[in-house]
Amino acid sequence: MSVHLSRRSVLSLAAALPVLAHAQSRPAPPRELLALAGQCVLTGWHGRGVPRAVESLASMGALGAVLLASHNYADRAQLQRMTTLLRGLGPRNARPLVTVDQEGGAVSHLSPPLTRMPSMTALGNVDDLDLTHRAGAAIGHELRAVGVDVDLAPVLDARTNPRNTVVLGRVFSREPERVARHGVAFIDGLWSAKVLASAKHFPGHGDTAVDSHAGLPRVPHNLARLEQVELVPFRAALPSVASVMVGHIVFAGIDPYNPATLSPAIVDGILRQRLQYDGVAMTDDLQMTAIRRTHGHVRAVELAIRAGCDLAMLAHNAEFARQAIEHLARLAETDAVLRRRITESAARVGRMRAKLDSVTPPNPYVVDAERLRTEIESRRAGLNFRSASAHHDPTIPH
């Protein structure tokens, strides 16, 4: 097959060759810095099996975590083979944490083969903390059985804006106090099965009207408002949760220029200093439109780490993750501030990983996810029936 190049194409290619040659000839960053930088990145990918880039990074301890979903496996057997492989890559104290989105309801990315549990909204409506704890334990039990370490749940947003669609059906309640109670119960349930939780979307995605997958939400809230509403569930959960996912929302009363994921005022100022949280702060996916429109993936990872985040998520492309890791490592060779940041973050990720070796509290429940799913659905149906009856019965005061 012949290829015809125009004169302009030839000239453009000739101009690019020295740049490409220089990039290819640059020495690799020191292995130590690659390992530190890699511990600050979480990646997912499309396609079944484990990509070569992931195996390569993980084998040298240069990948903090991976994100799995149903598009990565054909059946339960392949899923378990993948988690076994991933958990065996690299040094034991630096292996990638296996992470999934298994909230229950619509966001159940390992269902099938795992049970699709009812949503957090169903649990919040029933409002039985014991039931919520058991739901967390049931989800955690199934995740642990297939080799998962971290569940990106619970959602601790209070859905105060009725136009909010991104967390519709995913939250426990519009009432911050109820969200707080059920969030803690769910986290404790997951941990009873030795699965770590990640509370999201800090400092709160519940009052937005724009989906951050499609655009950048902005709200006018200042710190006083956050203390009254959005921070209530997170403040309750922080003592027991292993990680917090920071959302892509601009809070104009605090930082009018940057989304929370890239904002030192929010991550370092509020999460670290005001709330005194020393667990892992991870970003929501930096490939979402809210970030991608204004920042490339490499720059977004750098800005998130500088803001105080510890794990930068690139959920759809392992090659992007490799590029971002190399970028961080190269900068850290001469940037002492960034080097200190990736060292701190790698240490936090390491402590999170080490927690999986600690003893979990006794689990008093016999976990049967399918039976529990039926119980939750039955109780929700009964609640809806009573509510409808009360609405139509003229003898019942309202």
Protein backbone atom coordinates (compact mmCIF):
# COMPACT_ATOMS: atom_id res chain seq x y z
CA MET A 1 0.00 0.00 0.00
CA SER A 2 1.43 3.39 -0.98
CA VAL A 3 1.02 6.53 1.10
CA HIS A 4 1.07 9.99 -0.45
CA LEU A 5 2.21 12.87 1.76
CA SER A 6 1.60 16.47 0.85
CA ARG A 7 4.48 18.97 0.97
CA ARG A 8 2.93 20.49 4.13
CA SER A 9 2.77 17.07 5.80
CA VAL A 10 6.39 16.34 4.95
CA LEU A 11 7.53 19.69 6.35
CA SER A 12 5.45 19.20 9.51
CA LEU A 13 6.89 15.74 10.03
CA ALA A 14 10.43 17.00 9.49
CA ALA A 15 9.88 19.74 12.07
CA ALA A 16 8.53 17.23 14.58
CA LEU A 17 11.36 14.71 14.25
CA PRO A 18 13.90 16.54 16.44
CA VAL A 19 11.27 16.90 19.17
CA LEU A 20 10.37 13.22 18.97
CA ALA A 21 14.02 12.21 18.95
CA HIS A 22 14.67 14.36 22.02
CA ALA A 23 11.69 12.84 23.86
CA GLN A 24 12.84 9.33 23.03
CA SER A 25 16.42 10.06 24.06
CA ARG A 26 15.54 11.54 27.45
CA PRO A 27 16.76 9.31 30.29
CA ALA A 28 14.14 7.60 32.35
CA PRO A 29 13.42 9.14 35.76
CA PRO A 30 15.04 7.40 38.74
CA ARG A 31 13.24 4.20 39.68
CA GLU A 32 12.69 5.50 43.21
CA LEU A 33 10.79 8.52 41.92
CA LEU A 34 8.79 6.43 39.45
CA ALA A 35 7.70 4.21 42.34
CA LEU A 36 6.67 7.18 44.49
CA ALA A 37 4.82 8.87 41.63
CA GLY A 38 3.15 5.62 40.61
CA GLN A 39 1.72 5.13 44.08
CA CYS A 40 -0.18 8.40 43.51
CA VAL A 41 -2.09 7.14 40.45
CA LEU A 42 -5.17 4.93 40.09
CA THR A 43 -5.99 3.67 36.62
CA GLY A 44 -8.69 1.76 34.83
CA TRP A 45 -8.91 0.64 31.20
CA HIS A 46 -11.24 -0.74 28.59
CA GLY A 47 -10.93 -4.31 27.37
CA ARG A 48 -10.62 -7.68 29.06
CA GLY A 49 -7.53 -8.79 30.87
CA VAL A 50 -4.70 -6.76 32.37
CA PRO A 51 -2.88 -4.40 29.95
CA ARG A 52 0.87 -4.64 29.56
CA ALA A 53 1.31 -1.06 30.85
CA VAL A 54 -0.46 -2.00 34.09
CA GLU A 55 1.59 -5.16 34.56
CA SER A 56 4.81 -3.26 33.91
CA LEU A 57 4.05 -0.42 36.34
CA ALA A 58 2.69 -2.69 39.05
CA SER A 59 5.64 -5.09 38.79
CA MET A 60 8.03 -2.34 39.88
CA GLY A 61 5.68 -1.04 42.60
CA ALA A 62 4.77 2.04 40.57
CA LEU A 63 0.97 1.88 40.59
CA GLY A 64 -1.18 2.78 43.58
CA ALA A 65 -4.48 1.24 42.52
CA VAL A 66 -6.52 -0.16 39.64
CA LEU A 67 -10.21 0.24 38.87
CA LEU A 68 -12.12 -2.78 37.56
CA ALA A 69 -15.56 -2.87 35.95
CA SER A 70 -17.70 -5.31 33.98
CA HIS A 71 -16.01 -4.42 30.67
CA ASN A 72 -12.76 -5.91 32.01
CA TYR A 73 -13.88 -9.56 32.31
CA ALA A 74 -16.08 -12.15 30.64
CA ASP A 75 -17.18 -14.06 33.74
CA ARG A 76 -16.50 -14.51 37.44
CA ALA A 77 -13.61 -16.89 36.80
CA GLN A 78 -11.75 -14.33 34.67
CA LEU A 79 -12.46 -11.61 37.24
CA GLN A 80 -10.88 -13.71 39.97
CA ARG A 81 -7.88 -14.57 37.80
CA MET A 82 -7.33 -10.85 37.18
CA THR A 83 -7.51 -9.87 40.85
CA THR A 84 -5.18 -12.74 41.77
CA LEU A 85 -2.69 -11.57 39.15
CA LEU A 86 -2.94 -7.91 40.21
CA ARG A 87 -2.56 -8.67 43.89
CA GLY A 88 0.60 -10.64 43.15
CA LEU A 89 2.36 -7.96 41.10
CA GLY A 90 5.25 -6.02 42.60
CA PRO A 91 6.37 -5.79 46.22
CA ARG A 92 3.64 -6.81 48.68
CA ASN A 93 3.78 -3.43 50.42
CA ALA A 94 3.36 -1.60 47.10
CA ARG A 95 0.97 -3.81 45.12
CA PRO A 96 -1.95 -2.04 43.40
CA LEU A 97 -5.13 -1.81 45.45
CA VAL A 98 -8.00 -3.45 43.56
CA THR A 99 -10.83 -0.92 43.46
CA VAL A 100 -14.41 -1.03 42.15
CA ASP A 101 -17.62 1.02 42.02
CA GLN A 102 -20.18 -1.19 43.76
CA GLU A 103 -22.63 1.16 45.48
CA GLY A 104 -25.78 -0.87 44.98
CA GLY A 105 -28.58 0.17 42.64
CA ALA A 106 -27.62 1.55 39.23
CA VAL A 107 -23.94 1.92 40.10
CA SER A 108 -23.02 -1.74 40.56
CA HIS A 109 -20.14 -2.25 38.17
CA LEU A 110 -19.47 -5.88 39.12
CA SER A 111 -23.09 -6.97 38.71
CA PRO A 112 -23.21 -9.57 37.27
CA PRO A 113 -21.70 -11.80 38.56
CA LEU A 114 -22.18 -10.15 41.96
CA THR A 115 -25.59 -9.42 43.43
CA ARG A 116 -27.08 -6.07 42.46
CA MET A 117 -28.10 -4.79 45.88
CA PRO A 118 -30.81 -2.14 46.26
CA SER A 119 -29.63 1.46 46.15
CA MET A 120 -28.53 3.67 49.01
CA THR A 121 -31.73 5.65 48.47
CA ALA A 122 -33.74 2.50 49.23
CA LEU A 123 -31.74 1.99 52.42
CA GLY A 124 -32.14 5.61 53.47
CA ASN A 125 -35.89 5.48 52.89
CA VAL A 126 -36.29 2.37 55.06
CA ASP A 127 -34.05 4.13 57.63
CA ASP A 128 -32.87 1.09 59.56
CA LEU A 129 -29.19 1.40 60.47
CA ASP A 130 -28.90 -2.33 61.15
CA LEU A 131 -30.18 -3.03 57.63
CA THR A 132 -27.69 -0.58 56.11
CA HIS A 133 -24.84 -2.17 58.04
CA ARG A 134 -25.88 -5.60 56.79
CA ALA A 135 -26.08 -4.28 53.22
CA GLY A 136 -22.52 -2.98 53.49
CA ALA A 137 -21.42 -6.32 54.94
CA ALA A 138 -23.14 -8.27 52.15
CA ILE A 139 -21.56 -6.15 49.41
CA GLY A 140 -18.20 -6.35 51.15
CA HIS A 141 -18.43 -10.13 51.55
CA GLU A 142 -19.00 -10.61 47.81
CA LEU A 143 -16.23 -8.14 46.90
CA ARG A 144 -13.73 -9.80 49.22
CA ALA A 145 -14.58 -13.21 47.73
CA VAL A 146 -13.46 -12.03 44.27
CA GLY A 147 -10.33 -10.24 45.52
CA VAL A 148 -11.45 -6.60 45.76
CA ASP A 149 -9.80 -4.30 48.32
CA VAL A 150 -11.66 -0.98 48.01
CA ASP A 151 -15.28 -0.07 47.25
CA LEU A 152 -15.82 3.46 45.95
CA ALA A 153 -18.78 3.87 48.27
CA PRO A 154 -20.76 5.16 50.09
CA VAL A 155 -22.08 8.32 48.47
CA LEU A 156 -22.23 10.90 51.28
CA ASP A 157 -23.89 13.65 49.27
CA ALA A 158 -27.14 15.10 50.60
CA ARG A 159 -29.30 15.64 47.49
CA THR A 160 -30.69 19.06 48.35
CA ASN A 161 -31.19 20.14 44.73
CA PRO A 162 -34.18 18.37 43.10
CA ARG A 163 -32.65 19.02 39.65
CA ASN A 164 -29.57 17.00 40.56
CA THR A 165 -29.37 13.92 38.34
CA VAL A 166 -25.78 12.75 38.92
CA VAL A 167 -26.55 11.43 42.43
CA LEU A 168 -30.24 10.71 41.86
CA GLY A 169 -31.02 7.29 43.38
CA ARG A 170 -27.49 7.03 44.81
CA VAL A 171 -27.80 8.96 48.08
CA PHE A 172 -29.22 7.94 51.44
CA SER A 173 -31.27 11.11 51.85
CA ARG A 174 -31.57 14.84 51.29
CA GLU A 175 -31.13 15.24 55.07
CA PRO A 176 -27.43 15.53 56.03
CA GLU A 177 -27.91 13.89 59.44
CA ARG A 178 -29.59 10.83 57.94
CA VAL A 179 -26.86 10.57 55.31
CA ALA A 180 -24.28 10.71 58.10
CA ARG A 181 -25.88 7.90 60.15
CA HIS A 182 -26.30 5.55 57.22
CA GLY A 183 -22.90 6.39 55.74
CA VAL A 184 -21.14 5.31 58.92
CA ALA A 185 -23.24 2.13 59.13
CA PHE A 186 -22.40 1.23 55.51
CA ILE A 187 -18.67 1.89 56.01
CA ASP A 188 -18.65 -0.30 59.12
CA GLY A 189 -20.48 -3.03 57.21
CA LEU A 190 -17.92 -3.04 54.40
CA TRP A 191 -15.07 -3.14 56.88
CA SER A 192 -16.62 -6.10 58.73
CA ALA A 193 -15.89 -7.98 55.48
CA LYS A 194 -12.39 -6.46 55.27
CA VAL A 195 -13.19 -4.15 52.37
CA LEU A 196 -12.13 -0.51 52.58
CA ALA A 197 -14.58 2.27 51.80
CA SER A 198 -14.13 5.53 49.90
CA ALA A 199 -16.66 8.23 50.84
CA LYS A 200 -17.68 10.51 47.98
CA HIS A 201 -17.97 13.20 46.53
CA PHE A 202 -16.19 15.59 48.92
CA PRO A 203 -17.10 18.24 49.90
CA GLY A 204 -20.56 17.48 48.47
CA HIS A 205 -22.19 16.97 45.06
CA GLY A 206 -25.79 17.12 46.27
CA ASP A 207 -26.71 20.72 45.44
CA THR A 208 -25.43 20.76 41.86
CA ALA A 209 -27.56 20.87 38.72
CA VAL A 210 -24.78 19.93 36.28
CA ASP A 211 -23.41 16.40 35.93
CA SER A 212 -19.61 16.55 36.25
CA HIS A 213 -19.34 13.75 33.68
CA ALA A 214 -20.62 16.26 31.13
CA GLY A 215 -19.62 19.68 32.48
CA LEU A 216 -18.22 21.55 35.46
CA PRO A 217 -20.79 22.23 38.20
CA ARG A 218 -20.58 25.51 40.12
CA VAL A 219 -22.29 26.39 43.37
CA PRO A 220 -21.93 29.66 45.34
CA HIS A 221 -21.45 28.01 48.74
CA ASN A 222 -19.01 29.29 51.33
CA LEU A 223 -17.62 27.51 54.37
CA ALA A 224 -20.56 28.44 56.61
CA ARG A 225 -22.97 26.73 54.21
CA LEU A 226 -20.74 23.65 53.90
CA GLU A 227 -20.58 23.31 57.68
CA GLN A 228 -24.37 23.37 57.91
CA VAL A 229 -25.09 20.88 55.11
CA GLU A 230 -22.43 19.26 52.91
CA LEU A 231 -19.75 18.56 55.51
CA VAL A 232 -22.10 16.99 58.08
CA PRO A 233 -21.92 13.43 56.64
CA PHE A 234 -18.20 13.62 55.90
CA ARG A 235 -17.34 14.88 59.37
CA ALA A 236 -19.19 11.89 60.84
CA ALA A 237 -17.52 9.38 58.53
CA LEU A 238 -13.91 10.59 58.50
CA PRO A 239 -12.81 8.79 61.69
CA SER A 240 -13.66 5.40 60.17
CA VAL A 241 -13.26 5.76 56.41
CA ALA A 242 -10.01 4.77 54.67
CA SER A 243 -10.30 7.23 51.80
CA VAL A 244 -12.32 10.17 50.55
CA MET A 245 -13.09 10.85 46.90
CA VAL A 246 -12.99 14.54 45.99
CA GLY A 247 -15.52 15.74 43.41
CA HIS A 248 -15.26 18.02 40.38
CA ILE A 249 -17.33 20.94 41.70
CA VAL A 250 -16.43 24.62 41.96
CA PHE A 251 -17.41 26.11 45.33
CA ALA A 252 -17.25 29.80 44.43
CA GLY A 253 -17.42 31.00 48.05
CA ILE A 254 -14.14 29.19 48.76
CA ASP A 255 -12.23 28.91 45.48
CA PRO A 256 -14.00 30.50 42.48
CA TYR A 257 -11.39 29.29 39.98
CA ASN A 258 -10.71 25.61 40.66
CA PRO A 259 -12.87 22.51 41.05
CA ALA A 260 -12.45 20.87 44.45
CA THR A 261 -10.16 18.16 43.04
CA LEU A 262 -7.61 20.78 41.98
CA SER A 263 -8.14 23.24 44.83
CA PRO A 264 -5.58 23.53 47.66
CA ALA A 265 -8.12 25.62 49.56
CA ILE A 266 -10.53 22.68 49.66
CA VAL A 267 -8.30 19.58 49.79
CA ASP A 268 -5.52 20.94 51.98
CA GLY A 269 -7.44 23.76 53.65
CA ILE A 270 -10.73 22.06 54.52
CA LEU A 271 -10.15 18.30 54.35
CA ARG A 272 -6.65 18.25 55.85
CA GLN A 273 -6.44 21.28 58.10
CA ARG A 274 -10.01 22.02 59.16
CA LEU A 275 -11.28 18.43 59.37
CA GLN A 276 -7.88 16.97 60.33
CA TYR A 277 -8.20 14.04 57.93
CA ASP A 278 -4.99 12.10 57.32
CA GLY A 279 -6.38 9.24 55.23
CA VAL A 280 -6.15 8.95 51.45
CA ALA A 281 -7.77 11.67 49.36
CA MET A 282 -8.46 10.42 45.84
CA THR A 283 -9.86 12.31 42.89
CA ASP A 284 -12.91 11.47 40.90
CA ASP A 285 -12.01 10.47 37.34
CA LEU A 286 -9.79 13.16 35.83
CA GLN A 287 -10.87 12.09 32.35
CA MET A 288 -14.39 13.40 32.98
CA THR A 289 -15.47 16.39 30.91
CA ALA A 290 -15.41 18.69 33.95
CA ILE A 291 -11.60 18.43 33.96
CA ARG A 292 -10.76 17.32 30.42
CA ARG A 293 -12.07 20.51 28.81
CA THR A 294 -9.51 22.70 30.53
CA HIS A 295 -6.64 20.39 31.48
CA GLY A 296 -4.93 17.50 29.77
CA HIS A 297 -4.69 14.29 31.77
CA VAL A 298 -1.02 14.76 32.64
CA ARG A 299 -1.42 18.33 33.91
CA ALA A 300 -4.62 17.45 35.78
CA VAL A 301 -2.81 14.70 37.71
CA GLU A 302 -0.03 17.11 38.65
CA LEU A 303 -2.48 19.80 39.83
CA ALA A 304 -4.49 17.32 41.87
CA ILE A 305 -1.40 16.07 43.69
CA ARG A 306 -0.20 19.63 44.31
CA ALA A 307 -3.65 20.47 45.74
CA GLY A 308 -3.27 17.73 48.35
CA CYS A 309 -4.85 14.68 46.74
CA ASP A 310 -3.01 11.37 47.11
CA LEU A 311 -4.51 9.17 44.37
CA ALA A 312 -5.27 10.71 40.98
CA MET A 313 -7.76 8.64 38.99
CA LEU A 314 -7.53 8.08 35.24
CA ALA A 315 -10.35 5.59 34.86
CA HIS A 316 -10.19 4.75 31.17
CA ASN A 317 -6.63 4.65 29.88
CA ALA A 318 -3.60 2.91 31.39
CA GLU A 319 -1.26 4.56 28.87
CA PHE A 320 -2.40 7.97 30.13
CA ALA A 321 -1.57 6.76 33.63
CA ARG A 322 1.95 5.77 32.55
CA GLN A 323 2.47 9.20 30.99
CA ALA A 324 1.25 10.97 34.11
CA ILE A 325 3.50 8.88 36.38
CA GLU A 326 6.56 9.65 34.27
CA HIS A 327 5.61 13.34 34.24
CA LEU A 328 5.37 13.47 38.05
CA ALA A 329 8.64 11.60 38.46
CA ARG A 330 10.52 13.91 36.06
CA LEU A 331 9.23 17.03 37.80
CA ALA A 332 10.09 15.61 41.20
CA GLU A 333 13.75 15.31 40.17
CA THR A 334 14.10 19.10 40.47
CA ASP A 335 10.93 20.22 42.30
CA ALA A 336 11.42 19.62 46.03
CA VAL A 337 7.86 20.64 46.90
CA LEU A 338 6.34 18.11 44.50
CA ARG A 339 8.78 15.44 45.64
CA ARG A 340 7.66 15.98 49.23
CA ARG A 341 4.02 15.78 48.14
CA ILE A 342 4.38 12.46 46.29
CA THR A 343 6.36 11.06 49.22
CA GLU A 344 3.56 12.02 51.64
CA SER A 345 0.90 10.63 49.33
CA ALA A 346 2.70 7.35 48.71
CA ALA A 347 2.99 6.93 52.49
CA ARG A 348 -0.77 7.48 52.95
CA VAL A 349 -1.58 4.96 50.22
CA GLY A 350 0.81 2.55 51.93
CA ARG A 351 -0.95 2.96 55.28
CA MET A 352 -4.29 2.37 53.58
CA ARG A 353 -2.95 -0.84 52.02
CA ALA A 354 -1.48 -1.97 55.35
CA LYS A 355 -4.89 -1.59 57.00
CA LEU A 356 -6.01 -4.65 55.04
CA ASP A 357 -3.62 -6.70 57.19
CA SER A 358 -5.20 -5.54 60.45
CA VAL A 359 -7.87 -7.40 62.38
CA THR A 360 -11.48 -6.54 61.53
CA PRO A 361 -14.16 -6.29 64.21
CA PRO A 362 -16.34 -9.40 64.65
CA ASN A 363 -19.18 -9.59 62.14
CA PRO A 364 -22.35 -10.73 63.93
CA TYR A 365 -24.27 -11.26 60.69
CA VAL A 366 -24.72 -14.30 58.51
CA VAL A 367 -24.24 -12.71 55.11
CA ASP A 368 -26.55 -13.82 52.31
CA ALA A 369 -26.69 -11.07 49.71
CA GLU A 370 -29.62 -12.45 47.74
CA ARG A 371 -31.75 -12.97 50.83
CA LEU A 372 -30.86 -9.51 52.09
CA ARG A 373 -31.70 -7.96 48.72
CA THR A 374 -35.16 -9.53 48.93
CA GLU A 375 -35.62 -8.25 52.49
CA ILE A 376 -34.70 -4.68 51.53
CA GLU A 377 -37.00 -4.73 48.49
CA SER A 378 -39.84 -6.11 50.59
CA ARG A 379 -39.44 -3.50 53.29
CA ARG A 380 -39.20 -0.72 50.72
CA ALA A 381 -42.35 -1.96 49.01
CA GLY A 382 -44.16 -2.04 52.35
CA LEU A 383 -43.02 1.48 53.09
CA ASN A 384 -44.25 2.70 49.71
CA PHE A 385 -47.61 0.95 50.23
CA ARG A 386 -48.12 2.55 53.63
CA SER A 387 -47.15 5.94 52.25
CA ALA A 388 -49.62 5.59 49.36
CA SER A 389 -52.38 4.42 51.70
CA ALA A 390 -51.80 7.33 54.04
CA HIS A 391 -51.89 9.73 51.09
CA HIS A 392 -55.30 8.43 49.94
CA ASP A 393 -56.98 7.74 53.30
CA PRO A 394 -58.99 10.83 54.32
CA THR A 395 -59.12 9.61 57.93
CA ILE A 396 -55.34 9.87 58.32
CA PRO A 397 -54.18 13.40 59.21
CA HIS A 398 -51.32 14.88 57.18
